[in-house]
Amino acid sequence: MNVSEIINKYYPEDNKLKEILLVHSRFVANKTLSIAQKHPELNLDTTFIEEASMLHDIGIFLTNAPDIYCFGKEPYICHGYLGADLLRKEGLFRHALVCERHTGAGLSLKTIIENQLPVPHREMLPVSMEEQVLCFADKFFSKTHLEKEKSVESARKSIMKHGEEGLLRFDTWCIHFL
C-alpha cells in the first residue's frame, strides 16, 4: 500500500481534518527534503523521509483535539504511538518508529515517567538520522496555523513544555541541520 492509500484508509472523507493532516505533513516533508538537500553529508534516504513525513501524524484522528477537528478519545500526546500501531499493522515498521518518536523532540522514558505522560513506558527518542531530521522539521509547523513556519525561538518555546532534555536535543539539531 502506498502513502496515499494509507492516508485514505484512515481518512476516507475529504474534510477539514484530512486537509489539516495533508497540509501540515506536506510542509514537514518539504522541510525535511530541504534539509536533506542542504546537507548531503547526512546521506538521508529522501524517499523514506518524504513518506514518513506524510505519515508521521496518521494517528491524530484517534485523539481528542477539537481545535484541529480530532474527536477521538485519547489525549493528543498519544497520537504518535497510536499512529505507530496503525503503521505496524500496515507492515511499515520503519515509518512506525518515526510516528512513535517525533512527539516533542522525542520523549525519554525518564520524561514519560516523571511527567506521568499517558503513553507506554519506553524510550521514544528519534534514533536514525531520518527520524531526527523529521522530528526537527515537524517542530516548525503547527496544525492550527498551517500557513506559517515557526521561528526557531517559537519552536523552542513549544518544546520547553516537554522539558529541558528535549530542548537540548532541539538546540543540537539546530546546529547540525540549519
C-alpha atoms as a PDB file:
ATOM      1  CA  MET A   1       0.000   0.000   0.000  1.00  0.00           C
ATOM      2  CA  ASN A   2       1.361   3.442  -0.868  1.00  0.00           C
ATOM      3  CA  VAL A   3       1.200   6.590   1.278  1.00  0.00           C
ATOM      4  CA  SER A   4      -1.970   7.977  -0.352  1.00  0.00           C
ATOM      5  CA  GLU A   5      -3.774   4.658   0.059  1.00  0.00           C
ATOM      6  CA  ILE A   6      -2.859   4.503   3.735  1.00  0.00           C
ATOM      7  CA  ILE A   7      -3.981   8.081   4.357  1.00  0.00           C
ATOM      8  CA  ASN A   8      -7.251   7.433   2.503  1.00  0.00           C
ATOM      9  CA  LYS A   9      -7.811   4.241   4.508  1.00  0.00           C
ATOM     10  CA  TYR A  10      -7.734   6.127   7.826  1.00  0.00           C
ATOM     11  CA  TYR A  11      -9.060   9.455   6.493  1.00  0.00           C
ATOM     12  CA  PRO A  12     -11.650   8.369   3.899  1.00  0.00           C
ATOM     13  CA  GLU A  13     -13.587  11.644   3.850  1.00  0.00           C
ATOM     14  CA  ASP A  14     -12.417  14.885   2.307  1.00  0.00           C
ATOM     15  CA  ASN A  15     -12.911  17.077   5.358  1.00  0.00           C
ATOM     16  CA  LYS A  16     -11.101  19.702   7.414  1.00  0.00           C
ATOM     17  CA  LEU A  17      -9.160  17.138   9.466  1.00  0.00           C
ATOM     18  CA  LYS A  18      -7.782  15.428   6.354  1.00  0.00           C
ATOM     19  CA  GLU A  19      -6.879  18.832   4.890  1.00  0.00           C
ATOM     20  CA  ILE A  20      -5.002  19.774   8.088  1.00  0.00           C
ATOM     21  CA  LEU A  21      -3.161  16.443   8.081  1.00  0.00           C
ATOM     22  CA  LEU A  22      -2.160  16.728   4.418  1.00  0.00           C
ATOM     23  CA  VAL A  23      -1.113  20.391   4.504  1.00  0.00           C
ATOM     24  CA  HIS A  24       0.871  20.029   7.737  1.00  0.00           C
ATOM     25  CA  SER A  25       2.542  16.824   6.552  1.00  0.00           C
ATOM     26  CA  ARG A  26       3.475  18.353   3.179  1.00  0.00           C
ATOM     27  CA  PHE A  27       5.141  21.332   4.912  1.00  0.00           C
ATOM     28  CA  VAL A  28       7.092  18.922   7.140  1.00  0.00           C
ATOM     29  CA  ALA A  29       8.060  16.821   4.101  1.00  0.00           C
ATOM     30  CA  ASN A  30       9.265  19.890   2.215  1.00  0.00           C
ATOM     31  CA  LYS A  31      11.413  20.976   5.155  1.00  0.00           C
ATOM     32  CA  THR A  32      12.926  17.502   5.593  1.00  0.00           C
ATOM     33  CA  LEU A  33      13.747  17.366   1.889  1.00  0.00           C
ATOM     34  CA  SER A  34      15.250  20.862   2.054  1.00  0.00           C
ATOM     35  CA  ILE A  35      17.485  19.795   4.956  1.00  0.00           C
ATOM     36  CA  ALA A  36      18.490  16.677   3.012  1.00  0.00           C
ATOM     37  CA  GLN A  37      19.430  18.806   0.012  1.00  0.00           C
ATOM     38  CA  LYS A  38      21.351  21.311   2.133  1.00  0.00           C
ATOM     39  CA  HIS A  39      23.219  18.523   3.971  1.00  0.00           C
ATOM     40  CA  PRO A  40      24.185  15.776   1.505  1.00  0.00           C
ATOM     41  CA  GLU A  41      26.781  14.591   4.044  1.00  0.00           C
ATOM     42  CA  LEU A  42      23.885  13.190   6.129  1.00  0.00           C
ATOM     43  CA  ASN A  43      23.131  10.637   3.373  1.00  0.00           C
ATOM     44  CA  LEU A  44      19.424  10.756   4.129  1.00  0.00           C
ATOM     45  CA  ASP A  45      17.007   8.358   2.467  1.00  0.00           C
ATOM     46  CA  THR A  46      14.857  11.036   0.822  1.00  0.00           C
ATOM     47  CA  THR A  47      12.159   8.641  -0.384  1.00  0.00           C
ATOM     48  CA  PHE A  48      11.724   7.361   3.149  1.00  0.00           C
ATOM     49  CA  ILE A  49      11.704  10.793   4.803  1.00  0.00           C
ATOM     50  CA  GLU A  50       9.112  12.077   2.374  1.00  0.00           C
ATOM     51  CA  GLU A  51       6.861   9.052   3.003  1.00  0.00           C
ATOM     52  CA  ALA A  52       7.423   9.183   6.772  1.00  0.00           C
ATOM     53  CA  SER A  53       6.724  12.921   6.811  1.00  0.00           C
ATOM     54  CA  MET A  54       3.375  12.334   5.141  1.00  0.00           C
ATOM     55  CA  LEU A  55       2.511   9.577   7.651  1.00  0.00           C
ATOM     56  CA  HIS A  56       4.032  10.823  10.916  1.00  0.00           C
ATOM     57  CA  ASP A  57       0.703  12.190  12.238  1.00  0.00           C
ATOM     58  CA  ILE A  58      -1.552   9.409  10.905  1.00  0.00           C
ATOM     59  CA  GLY A  59      -2.840   8.738  14.444  1.00  0.00           C
ATOM     60  CA  ILE A  60      -4.262  12.184  15.212  1.00  0.00           C
ATOM     61  CA  PHE A  61      -7.851  11.159  14.408  1.00  0.00           C
ATOM     62  CA  LEU A  62      -7.777   8.850  17.447  1.00  0.00           C
ATOM     63  CA  THR A  63      -7.166  11.790  19.800  1.00  0.00           C
ATOM     64  CA  ASN A  64      -9.291  14.488  21.344  1.00  0.00           C
ATOM     65  CA  ALA A  65      -8.109  17.784  19.839  1.00  0.00           C
ATOM     66  CA  PRO A  66     -11.260  19.631  18.720  1.00  0.00           C
ATOM     67  CA  ASP A  67      -9.262  22.698  17.575  1.00  0.00           C
ATOM     68  CA  ILE A  68      -7.944  20.565  14.711  1.00  0.00           C
ATOM     69  CA  TYR A  69     -11.140  18.529  14.191  1.00  0.00           C
ATOM     70  CA  CYS A  70      -9.937  15.454  16.076  1.00  0.00           C
ATOM     71  CA  PHE A  71     -12.759  13.908  18.086  1.00  0.00           C
ATOM     72  CA  GLY A  72     -11.206  10.675  19.320  1.00  0.00           C
ATOM     73  CA  LYS A  73     -10.917   9.525  22.918  1.00  0.00           C
ATOM     74  CA  GLU A  74      -7.186   9.657  23.650  1.00  0.00           C
ATOM     75  CA  PRO A  75      -5.103  12.662  24.770  1.00  0.00           C
ATOM     76  CA  TYR A  76      -3.313  14.330  21.843  1.00  0.00           C
ATOM     77  CA  ILE A  77       0.131  13.355  23.150  1.00  0.00           C
ATOM     78  CA  CYS A  78      -0.825   9.736  22.338  1.00  0.00           C
ATOM     79  CA  HIS A  79      -1.088  10.341  18.582  1.00  0.00           C
ATOM     80  CA  GLY A  80       2.489   9.240  17.931  1.00  0.00           C
ATOM     81  CA  TYR A  81       2.372   5.798  19.439  1.00  0.00           C
ATOM     82  CA  LEU A  82      -1.214   5.267  18.218  1.00  0.00           C
ATOM     83  CA  GLY A  83      -0.131   6.124  14.676  1.00  0.00           C
ATOM     84  CA  ALA A  84       2.843   3.793  15.077  1.00  0.00           C
ATOM     85  CA  ASP A  85       0.444   0.970  15.960  1.00  0.00           C
ATOM     86  CA  LEU A  86      -1.547   1.662  12.772  1.00  0.00           C
ATOM     87  CA  LEU A  87       1.566   1.664  10.589  1.00  0.00           C
ATOM     88  CA  ARG A  88       2.863  -1.547  12.154  1.00  0.00           C
ATOM     89  CA  LYS A  89      -0.433  -3.187  11.120  1.00  0.00           C
ATOM     90  CA  GLU A  90       0.303  -1.947   7.580  1.00  0.00           C
ATOM     91  CA  GLY A  91       3.779  -3.518   7.715  1.00  0.00           C
ATOM     92  CA  LEU A  92       5.556  -0.143   7.772  1.00  0.00           C
ATOM     93  CA  PHE A  93       7.782  -0.757  10.779  1.00  0.00           C
ATOM     94  CA  ARG A  94      10.417   1.870   9.981  1.00  0.00           C
ATOM     95  CA  HIS A  95       7.729   4.516   9.358  1.00  0.00           C
ATOM     96  CA  ALA A  96       6.056   3.489  12.630  1.00  0.00           C
ATOM     97  CA  LEU A  97       9.216   4.368  14.541  1.00  0.00           C
ATOM     98  CA  VAL A  98       9.021   7.927  13.166  1.00  0.00           C
ATOM     99  CA  CYS A  99       5.417   8.218  14.387  1.00  0.00           C
ATOM    100  CA  GLU A 100       6.321   6.987  17.829  1.00  0.00           C
ATOM    101  CA  ARG A 101       9.472   9.073  18.227  1.00  0.00           C
ATOM    102  CA  HIS A 102       8.512  12.511  16.857  1.00  0.00           C
ATOM    103  CA  THR A 103       6.478  13.897  19.793  1.00  0.00           C
ATOM    104  CA  GLY A 104       8.164  16.932  21.329  1.00  0.00           C
ATOM    105  CA  ALA A 105      11.798  16.434  20.450  1.00  0.00           C
ATOM    106  CA  GLY A 106      11.324  12.808  21.375  1.00  0.00           C
ATOM    107  CA  LEU A 107      10.328  11.523  24.801  1.00  0.00           C
ATOM    108  CA  SER A 108      12.711   9.639  27.050  1.00  0.00           C
ATOM    109  CA  LEU A 109      11.422   7.005  29.430  1.00  0.00           C
ATOM    110  CA  LYS A 110      12.589   9.273  32.272  1.00  0.00           C
ATOM    111  CA  THR A 111      10.490  12.203  30.949  1.00  0.00           C
ATOM    112  CA  ILE A 112       7.474   9.952  30.409  1.00  0.00           C
ATOM    113  CA  ILE A 113       7.600   8.643  33.981  1.00  0.00           C
ATOM    114  CA  GLU A 114       8.483  11.968  35.676  1.00  0.00           C
ATOM    115  CA  ASN A 115       5.653  13.786  33.895  1.00  0.00           C
ATOM    116  CA  GLN A 116       3.220  10.871  34.193  1.00  0.00           C
ATOM    117  CA  LEU A 117       2.526  11.046  30.461  1.00  0.00           C
ATOM    118  CA  PRO A 118      -0.288   8.765  29.242  1.00  0.00           C
ATOM    119  CA  VAL A 119       1.949   6.886  26.808  1.00  0.00           C
ATOM    120  CA  PRO A 120       3.657   3.488  27.022  1.00  0.00           C
ATOM    121  CA  HIS A 121       6.672   3.385  29.320  1.00  0.00           C
ATOM    122  CA  ARG A 122       9.501   3.029  26.819  1.00  0.00           C
ATOM    123  CA  GLU A 123      12.102   5.201  25.129  1.00  0.00           C
ATOM    124  CA  MET A 124      10.522   7.262  22.350  1.00  0.00           C
ATOM    125  CA  LEU A 125      13.574   9.177  21.166  1.00  0.00           C
ATOM    126  CA  PRO A 126      14.455   9.650  17.492  1.00  0.00           C
ATOM    127  CA  VAL A 127      17.412   7.409  16.726  1.00  0.00           C
ATOM    128  CA  SER A 128      18.171   7.323  12.994  1.00  0.00           C
ATOM    129  CA  MET A 129      19.241  10.481  11.208  1.00  0.00           C
ATOM    130  CA  GLU A 130      15.997  10.390   9.201  1.00  0.00           C
ATOM    131  CA  GLU A 131      13.961  10.233  12.437  1.00  0.00           C
ATOM    132  CA  GLN A 132      15.924  13.148  13.892  1.00  0.00           C
ATOM    133  CA  VAL A 133      15.558  15.359  10.804  1.00  0.00           C
ATOM    134  CA  LEU A 134      11.833  14.679  10.557  1.00  0.00           C
ATOM    135  CA  CYS A 135      11.278  15.300  14.273  1.00  0.00           C
ATOM    136  CA  PHE A 136      13.218  18.566  13.937  1.00  0.00           C
ATOM    137  CA  ALA A 137      11.319  19.717  10.825  1.00  0.00           C
ATOM    138  CA  ASP A 138       7.969  18.955  12.475  1.00  0.00           C
ATOM    139  CA  LYS A 139       8.677  21.449  15.259  1.00  0.00           C
ATOM    140  CA  PHE A 140       8.414  24.338  12.781  1.00  0.00           C
ATOM    141  CA  PHE A 141       4.804  23.667  11.756  1.00  0.00           C
ATOM    142  CA  SER A 142       1.629  23.866  13.806  1.00  0.00           C
ATOM    143  CA  LYS A 143      -1.649  22.284  12.825  1.00  0.00           C
ATOM    144  CA  THR A 144      -3.552  25.383  13.955  1.00  0.00           C
ATOM    145  CA  HIS A 145      -1.555  27.914  11.885  1.00  0.00           C
ATOM    146  CA  LEU A 146      -0.861  25.824   8.806  1.00  0.00           C
ATOM    147  CA  GLU A 147       0.386  28.591   6.550  1.00  0.00           C
ATOM    148  CA  LYS A 148       3.101  29.895   8.870  1.00  0.00           C
ATOM    149  CA  GLU A 149       6.518  28.383   9.599  1.00  0.00           C
ATOM    150  CA  LYS A 150       7.578  28.965  13.205  1.00  0.00           C
ATOM    151  CA  SER A 151      10.806  30.715  14.071  1.00  0.00           C
ATOM    152  CA  VAL A 152      13.486  28.793  15.964  1.00  0.00           C
ATOM    153  CA  GLU A 153      12.527  30.719  19.124  1.00  0.00           C
ATOM    154  CA  SER A 154       8.860  29.885  18.732  1.00  0.00           C
ATOM    155  CA  ALA A 155       9.700  26.211  18.171  1.00  0.00           C
ATOM    156  CA  ARG A 156      11.924  26.287  21.284  1.00  0.00           C
ATOM    157  CA  LYS A 157       9.052  27.673  23.394  1.00  0.00           C
ATOM    158  CA  SER A 158       6.788  24.892  22.221  1.00  0.00           C
ATOM    159  CA  ILE A 159       9.411  22.229  23.039  1.00  0.00           C
ATOM    160  CA  MET A 160      10.052  23.645  26.527  1.00  0.00           C
ATOM    161  CA  LYS A 161       6.652  22.236  27.539  1.00  0.00           C
ATOM    162  CA  HIS A 162       8.226  18.781  27.363  1.00  0.00           C
ATOM    163  CA  GLY A 163      11.268  19.726  29.456  1.00  0.00           C
ATOM    164  CA  GLU A 164      14.911  20.732  29.225  1.00  0.00           C
ATOM    165  CA  GLU A 165      16.039  17.392  27.798  1.00  0.00           C
ATOM    166  CA  GLY A 166      14.106  17.880  24.544  1.00  0.00           C
ATOM    167  CA  LEU A 167      15.241  21.473  24.260  1.00  0.00           C
ATOM    168  CA  LEU A 168      18.889  20.419  24.408  1.00  0.00           C
ATOM    169  CA  ARG A 169      18.230  17.897  21.633  1.00  0.00           C
ATOM    170  CA  PHE A 170      16.485  20.549  19.519  1.00  0.00           C
ATOM    171  CA  ASP A 171      19.333  23.032  20.023  1.00  0.00           C
ATOM    172  CA  THR A 172      21.825  20.397  18.868  1.00  0.00           C
ATOM    173  CA  TRP A 173      19.700  19.761  15.781  1.00  0.00           C
ATOM    174  CA  CYS A 174      19.692  23.500  15.037  1.00  0.00           C
ATOM    175  CA  ILE A 175      23.484  23.400  14.877  1.00  0.00           C
ATOM    176  CA  HIS A 176      23.533  20.361  12.583  1.00  0.00           C
ATOM    177  CA  PHE A 177      20.512  20.925  10.339  1.00  0.00           C
ATOM    178  CA  LEU A 178      20.134  24.682   9.804  1.00  0.00           C
END
